[in-house]
């Protein structure tokens, strides 16, 4: 898991991998709070794009 800090808040990013019935692989990230509680899932492979999405979704 990767630990990131945004605006004083700490989040954990856990990389995920799923295989859909069609055989397509989907990579993404689960976002957890500092206590390990699930907040959101992103079907984005780029970690920097996930961080930008967190900023937009939580801090807008």
PDB file of N, CA and C in Angstrom:
ATOM      1  N   UNK A   1       0.840  -1.175   0.000  1.00  0.00           N
ATOM      2  CA  UNK A   1       0.000   0.000   0.000  1.00  0.00           C
ATOM      3  C   UNK A   1       0.883   1.236   0.000  1.00  0.00           C
ATOM      4  N   UNK A   2       0.402   2.241  -0.703  1.00  0.00           N
ATOM      5  CA  UNK A   2       1.095   3.523  -0.737  1.00  0.00           C
ATOM      6  C   UNK A   2       0.385   4.501   0.180  1.00  0.00           C
ATOM      7  N   UNK A   3       1.156   5.255   0.932  1.00  0.00           N
ATOM      8  CA  UNK A   3       0.608   6.252   1.839  1.00  0.00           C
ATOM      9  C   UNK A   3       0.822   7.621   1.215  1.00  0.00           C
ATOM     10  N   UNK A   4      -0.261   8.400   1.104  1.00  0.00           N
ATOM     11  CA  UNK A   4      -0.144   9.757   0.569  1.00  0.00           C
ATOM     12  C   UNK A   4      -0.776  10.737   1.549  1.00  0.00           C
ATOM     13  N   UNK A   5      -0.324  11.973   1.496  1.00  0.00           N
ATOM     14  CA  UNK A   5      -0.888  13.011   2.345  1.00  0.00           C
ATOM     15  C   UNK A   5      -1.351  14.155   1.458  1.00  0.00           C
ATOM     16  N   UNK A   6      -2.615  14.541   1.629  1.00  0.00           N
ATOM     17  CA  UNK A   6      -3.198  15.641   0.868  1.00  0.00           C
ATOM     18  C   UNK A   6      -3.835  16.623   1.836  1.00  0.00           C
ATOM     19  N   UNK A   7      -3.374  17.846   1.801  1.00  0.00           N
ATOM     20  CA  UNK A   7      -3.952  18.921   2.614  1.00  0.00           C
ATOM     21  C   UNK A   7      -4.049  18.529   4.085  1.00  0.00           C
ATOM     22  N   UNK A   8      -3.050  17.813   4.580  1.00  0.00           N
ATOM     23  CA  UNK A   8      -2.998  17.426   5.979  1.00  0.00           C
ATOM     24  C   UNK A   8      -3.712  16.123   6.316  1.00  0.00           C
ATOM     25  N   UNK A   9      -4.426  15.535   5.359  1.00  0.00           N
ATOM     26  CA  UNK A   9      -5.112  14.261   5.567  1.00  0.00           C
ATOM     27  C   UNK A   9      -4.279  13.136   4.962  1.00  0.00           C
ATOM     28  N   UNK A  10      -4.290  11.977   5.601  1.00  0.00           N
ATOM     29  CA  UNK A  10      -3.528  10.826   5.129  1.00  0.00           C
ATOM     30  C   UNK A  10      -4.469   9.803   4.505  1.00  0.00           C
ATOM     31  N   UNK A  11      -4.082   9.289   3.354  1.00  0.00           N
ATOM     32  CA  UNK A  11      -4.849   8.261   2.647  1.00  0.00           C
ATOM     33  C   UNK A  11      -3.920   7.107   2.290  1.00  0.00           C
ATOM     34  N   UNK A  12      -4.494   5.934   2.180  1.00  0.00           N
ATOM     35  CA  UNK A  12      -3.759   4.759   1.741  1.00  0.00           C
ATOM     36  C   UNK A  12      -4.298   4.358   0.376  1.00  0.00           C
ATOM     37  N   UNK A  13      -3.394   4.080  -0.556  1.00  0.00           N
ATOM     38  CA  UNK A  13      -3.774   3.624  -1.883  1.00  0.00           C
ATOM     39  C   UNK A  13      -3.377   2.160  -2.021  1.00  0.00           C
ATOM     40  N   UNK A  14      -4.343   1.334  -2.363  1.00  0.00           N
ATOM     41  CA  UNK A  14      -4.092  -0.088  -2.557  1.00  0.00           C
ATOM     42  C   UNK A  14      -4.368  -0.418  -4.024  1.00  0.00           C
ATOM     43  N   UNK A  15      -3.367  -0.908  -4.719  1.00  0.00           N
ATOM     44  CA  UNK A  15      -3.533  -1.255  -6.132  1.00  0.00           C
ATOM     45  C   UNK A  15      -4.394  -2.507  -6.241  1.00  0.00           C
ATOM     46  N   UNK A  16      -5.343  -2.483  -7.188  1.00  0.00           N
ATOM     47  CA  UNK A  16      -6.242  -3.610  -7.378  1.00  0.00           C
ATOM     48  C   UNK A  16      -6.123  -4.149  -8.796  1.00  0.00           C
ATOM     49  N   UNK A  17      -6.580  -5.372  -8.973  1.00  0.00           N
ATOM     50  CA  UNK A  17      -6.547  -6.029 -10.265  1.00  0.00           C
ATOM     51  C   UNK A  17      -7.751  -6.947 -10.353  1.00  0.00           C
ATOM     52  N   UNK A  18      -8.555  -6.798 -11.386  1.00  0.00           N
ATOM     53  CA  UNK A  18      -9.725  -7.643 -11.591  1.00  0.00           C
ATOM     54  C   UNK A  18      -9.729  -8.143 -13.025  1.00  0.00           C
ATOM     55  N   UNK A  19     -10.259  -9.315 -13.213  1.00  0.00           N
ATOM     56  CA  UNK A  19     -10.454  -9.840 -14.562  1.00  0.00           C
ATOM     57  C   UNK A  19     -11.962  -9.923 -14.800  1.00  0.00           C
ATOM     58  N   UNK A  20     -12.420  -9.230 -15.825  1.00  0.00           N
ATOM     59  CA  UNK A  20     -13.834  -9.227 -16.176  1.00  0.00           C
ATOM     60  C   UNK A  20     -14.141 -10.509 -16.952  1.00  0.00           C
ATOM     61  N   UNK A  21     -15.401 -10.882 -17.008  1.00  0.00           N
ATOM     62  CA  UNK A  21     -15.824 -12.114 -17.700  1.00  0.00           C
ATOM     63  C   UNK A  21     -15.312 -12.192 -19.133  1.00  0.00           C
ATOM     64  N   UNK A  22     -15.107 -11.066 -19.783  1.00  0.00           N
ATOM     65  CA  UNK A  22     -14.630 -11.061 -21.169  1.00  0.00           C
ATOM     66  C   UNK A  22     -13.133 -11.302 -21.250  1.00  0.00           C
ATOM     67  N   UNK A  23     -12.447 -11.399 -20.111  1.00  0.00           N
ATOM     68  CA  UNK A  23     -11.009 -11.645 -20.106  1.00  0.00           C
ATOM     69  C   UNK A  23     -10.178 -10.384 -20.084  1.00  0.00           C
ATOM     70  N   UNK A  24     -10.846  -9.245 -19.972  1.00  0.00           N
ATOM     71  CA  UNK A  24     -10.129  -7.965 -19.940  1.00  0.00           C
ATOM     72  C   UNK A  24      -9.662  -7.697 -18.510  1.00  0.00           C
ATOM     73  N   UNK A  25      -8.438  -7.276 -18.370  1.00  0.00           N
ATOM     74  CA  UNK A  25      -7.892  -6.953 -17.056  1.00  0.00           C
ATOM     75  C   UNK A  25      -8.156  -5.486 -16.746  1.00  0.00           C
ATOM     76  N   UNK A  26      -8.560  -5.219 -15.520  1.00  0.00           N
ATOM     77  CA  UNK A  26      -8.821  -3.855 -15.081  1.00  0.00           C
ATOM     78  C   UNK A  26      -7.954  -3.579 -13.863  1.00  0.00           C
ATOM     79  N   UNK A  27      -7.111  -2.594 -13.982  1.00  0.00           N
ATOM     80  CA  UNK A  27      -6.295  -2.169 -12.853  1.00  0.00           C
ATOM     81  C   UNK A  27      -6.915  -0.915 -12.251  1.00  0.00           C
ATOM     82  N   UNK A  28      -6.691  -0.712 -10.989  1.00  0.00           N
ATOM     83  CA  UNK A  28      -7.228   0.475 -10.345  1.00  0.00           C
ATOM     84  C   UNK A  28      -6.637   0.625  -8.954  1.00  0.00           C
ATOM     85  N   UNK A  29      -7.231   1.516  -8.192  1.00  0.00           N
ATOM     86  CA  UNK A  29      -6.793   1.774  -6.826  1.00  0.00           C
ATOM     87  C   UNK A  29      -7.992   1.878  -5.904  1.00  0.00           C
ATOM     88  N   UNK A  30      -7.892   1.255  -4.735  1.00  0.00           N
ATOM     89  CA  UNK A  30      -8.831   1.493  -3.646  1.00  0.00           C
ATOM     90  C   UNK A  30      -8.226   2.591  -2.788  1.00  0.00           C
ATOM     91  N   UNK A  31      -9.055   3.516  -2.355  1.00  0.00           N
ATOM     92  CA  UNK A  31      -8.606   4.594  -1.484  1.00  0.00           C
ATOM     93  C   UNK A  31      -9.168   4.328  -0.095  1.00  0.00           C
ATOM     94  N   UNK A  32      -8.279   4.286   0.882  1.00  0.00           N
ATOM     95  CA  UNK A  32      -8.656   4.032   2.266  1.00  0.00           C
ATOM     96  C   UNK A  32      -8.255   5.234   3.110  1.00  0.00           C
ATOM     97  N   UNK A  33      -9.002   5.477   4.190  1.00  0.00           N
ATOM     98  CA  UNK A  33      -8.600   6.556   5.088  1.00  0.00           C
ATOM     99  C   UNK A  33      -7.470   6.071   5.991  1.00  0.00           C
ATOM    100  N   UNK A  34      -7.044   6.902   6.893  1.00  0.00           N
ATOM    101  CA  UNK A  34      -5.910   6.594   7.761  1.00  0.00           C
ATOM    102  C   UNK A  34      -6.183   5.388   8.662  1.00  0.00           C
ATOM    103  N   UNK A  35      -7.460   5.099   8.942  1.00  0.00           N
ATOM    104  CA  UNK A  35      -7.828   3.961   9.786  1.00  0.00           C
ATOM    105  C   UNK A  35      -7.986   2.667   8.992  1.00  0.00           C
ATOM    106  N   UNK A  36      -7.829   2.747   7.675  1.00  0.00           N
ATOM    107  CA  UNK A  36      -7.975   1.571   6.830  1.00  0.00           C
ATOM    108  C   UNK A  36      -9.390   1.339   6.345  1.00  0.00           C
ATOM    109  N   UNK A  37     -10.289   2.306   6.560  1.00  0.00           N
ATOM    110  CA  UNK A  37     -11.670   2.180   6.099  1.00  0.00           C
ATOM    111  C   UNK A  37     -11.765   2.579   4.631  1.00  0.00           C
ATOM    112  N   UNK A  38     -12.507   1.786   3.859  1.00  0.00           N
ATOM    113  CA  UNK A  38     -12.662   2.016   2.426  1.00  0.00           C
ATOM    114  C   UNK A  38     -13.424   3.311   2.169  1.00  0.00           C
ATOM    115  N   UNK A  39     -12.907   4.127   1.238  1.00  0.00           N
ATOM    116  CA  UNK A  39     -13.578   5.364   0.848  1.00  0.00           C
ATOM    117  C   UNK A  39     -14.108   5.303  -0.577  1.00  0.00           C
ATOM    118  N   UNK A  40     -13.261   4.890  -1.519  1.00  0.00           N
ATOM    119  CA  UNK A  40     -13.638   4.950  -2.921  1.00  0.00           C
ATOM    120  C   UNK A  40     -12.707   4.068  -3.743  1.00  0.00           C
ATOM    121  N   UNK A  41     -13.207   3.636  -4.916  1.00  0.00           N
ATOM    122  CA  UNK A  41     -12.397   2.873  -5.850  1.00  0.00           C
ATOM    123  C   UNK A  41     -12.304   3.646  -7.158  1.00  0.00           C
ATOM    124  N   UNK A  42     -11.125   3.658  -7.753  1.00  0.00           N
ATOM    125  CA  UNK A  42     -10.908   4.303  -9.048  1.00  0.00           C
ATOM    126  C   UNK A  42     -10.379   3.268 -10.033  1.00  0.00           C
ATOM    127  N   UNK A  43     -10.988   3.200 -11.213  1.00  0.00           N
ATOM    128  CA  UNK A  43     -10.507   2.321 -12.287  1.00  0.00           C
ATOM    129  C   UNK A  43      -9.489   3.068 -13.132  1.00  0.00           C
ATOM    130  N   UNK A  44      -8.481   3.586 -12.488  1.00  0.00           N
ATOM    131  CA  UNK A  44      -7.432   4.372 -13.140  1.00  0.00           C
ATOM    132  C   UNK A  44      -6.104   3.704 -12.816  1.00  0.00           C
ATOM    133  N   UNK A  45      -5.255   3.526 -13.832  1.00  0.00           N
ATOM    134  CA  UNK A  45      -3.973   2.858 -13.610  1.00  0.00           C
ATOM    135  C   UNK A  45      -2.872   3.822 -13.161  1.00  0.00           C
ATOM    136  N   UNK A  46      -3.011   5.102 -13.450  1.00  0.00           N
ATOM    137  CA  UNK A  46      -1.981   6.088 -13.142  1.00  0.00           C
ATOM    138  C   UNK A  46      -2.193   6.649 -11.732  1.00  0.00           C
ATOM    139  N   UNK A  47      -1.204   6.473 -10.882  1.00  0.00           N
ATOM    140  CA  UNK A  47      -1.312   6.916  -9.492  1.00  0.00           C
ATOM    141  C   UNK A  47      -1.515   8.427  -9.390  1.00  0.00           C
ATOM    142  N   UNK A  48      -0.840   9.202 -10.217  1.00  0.00           N
ATOM    143  CA  UNK A  48      -0.995  10.658 -10.177  1.00  0.00           C
ATOM    144  C   UNK A  48      -2.405  11.084 -10.574  1.00  0.00           C
ATOM    145  N   UNK A  49      -3.016  10.374 -11.511  1.00  0.00           N
ATOM    146  CA  UNK A  49      -4.398  10.667 -11.902  1.00  0.00           C
ATOM    147  C   UNK A  49      -5.358  10.345 -10.762  1.00  0.00           C
ATOM    148  N   UNK A  50      -5.058   9.304 -10.003  1.00  0.00           N
ATOM    149  CA  UNK A  50      -5.885   8.962  -8.840  1.00  0.00           C
ATOM    150  C   UNK A  50      -5.790  10.068  -7.796  1.00  0.00           C
ATOM    151  N   UNK A  51      -4.602  10.573  -7.553  1.00  0.00           N
ATOM    152  CA  UNK A  51      -4.414  11.645  -6.584  1.00  0.00           C
ATOM    153  C   UNK A  51      -5.186  12.885  -7.023  1.00  0.00           C
ATOM    154  N   UNK A  52      -5.143  13.220  -8.302  1.00  0.00           N
ATOM    155  CA  UNK A  52      -5.909  14.363  -8.816  1.00  0.00           C
ATOM    156  C   UNK A  52      -7.410  14.135  -8.637  1.00  0.00           C
ATOM    157  N   UNK A  53      -7.865  12.905  -8.857  1.00  0.00           N
ATOM    158  CA  UNK A  53      -9.288  12.580  -8.693  1.00  0.00           C
ATOM    159  C   UNK A  53      -9.722  12.690  -7.234  1.00  0.00           C
ATOM    160  N   UNK A  54      -8.863  12.269  -6.321  1.00  0.00           N
ATOM    161  CA  UNK A  54      -9.166  12.398  -4.883  1.00  0.00           C
ATOM    162  C   UNK A  54      -9.312  13.869  -4.526  1.00  0.00           C
ATOM    163  N   UNK A  55      -8.388  14.681  -4.991  1.00  0.00           N
ATOM    164  CA  UNK A  55      -8.462  16.123  -4.711  1.00  0.00           C
ATOM    165  C   UNK A  55      -9.777  16.704  -5.214  1.00  0.00           C
ATOM    166  N   UNK A  56     -10.186  16.298  -6.409  1.00  0.00           N
ATOM    167  CA  UNK A  56     -11.416  16.829  -6.985  1.00  0.00           C
ATOM    168  C   UNK A  56     -12.646  16.311  -6.243  1.00  0.00           C
ATOM    169  N   UNK A  57     -12.710  15.006  -5.979  1.00  0.00           N
ATOM    170  CA  UNK A  57     -13.887  14.407  -5.364  1.00  0.00           C
ATOM    171  C   UNK A  57     -14.074  14.801  -3.899  1.00  0.00           C
ATOM    172  N   UNK A  58     -13.000  14.916  -3.157  1.00  0.00           N
ATOM    173  CA  UNK A  58     -13.114  15.151  -1.714  1.00  0.00           C
ATOM    174  C   UNK A  58     -13.000  16.628  -1.347  1.00  0.00           C
ATOM    175  N   UNK A  59     -12.162  17.359  -2.024  1.00  0.00           N
ATOM    176  CA  UNK A  59     -11.847  18.727  -1.608  1.00  0.00           C
ATOM    177  C   UNK A  59     -12.466  19.819  -2.473  1.00  0.00           C
ATOM    178  N   UNK A  60     -13.335  19.471  -3.398  1.00  0.00           N
ATOM    179  CA  UNK A  60     -13.916  20.537  -4.242  1.00  0.00           C
ATOM    180  C   UNK A  60     -14.950  21.326  -3.517  1.00  0.00           C
TER     181      UNK A  60
END
